[in-house]
Amino acid sequence: MKIEGPYRDRHQAGQILAESLQGQNLGVNPLVLGLPRGGVPVAREVADILRAPLDVFIVRKLGVPNRPELAMGAIASGDVKLLDEALIAEAGISKAEVETVLRREMEELRRREENYRPGNPPVISSRPVIVIDDGLATGFTMRAAITALRQAGCPRITVGVPVGPESTCEELEQAVDLLVCPLRPEQFYAVGDWYEDFLATSDEEVRACLARRPAR
């Protein structure tokens, strides 16, 4: 399925992304990991079509104070922390402000781990993974996920996103085994611009996606 304009919603985006992933070298019996919250509905569709197991991998963006949509870094499960030191210095953000944001997002990361996956985390040290989000902007959160997965010994990492700017895709391609992004607009401002329905994904929807039996 070819698309040149906005996706209808995350579910359609996941179906189109899955078609782009089919036929690629994804490794043997890959595990699909959705980045909560918005990446999980996309990942559910990918897992269904590829007939692969689904789990979540928790990543949190560190937003600039008073401009939370702008990432100054990211954290991920496995005690991974990435900071954009150049942006922090340029914006004049103090160490205390960074620590305040970091503490808040670490608390939310732990809450989500307990909420979405109260049991043991998936074994990723011996199997390939497909990491899914609903889109890329700066790529900081995805980079944190990639770093954490590499540290855990994951043997093969594929990143799949429905939309992202060419520059971010090219940068992340250097850090993974395969990156698939079917829609790379020349004019890119925000991920939400490329969805007709981009309502926030709730905790309940994440849990429902994880509990849904894969389509046969």
Foldseek 3Di string as FASTA:
>chain_A
DADAFFAAALQSLLQVLLVQCPPDCQFPQAEEEAEPDQFLSSSLNNCQVVVHAYDYWYKAFQADVVGGVHGQAMATPPGFTGGNVVVCVVVVPDPVNSVVSVVVVVVVSVVLCCLQPVDDDDQQQEHGYEYTHQEDEQCRRVVNVLVNSVVSNRPFYEYTYAEYAPVNQVVCVVSGVYYDYSYHDPDDDDSVNRYPDDDHGDSVNSNCSNPDDRHD
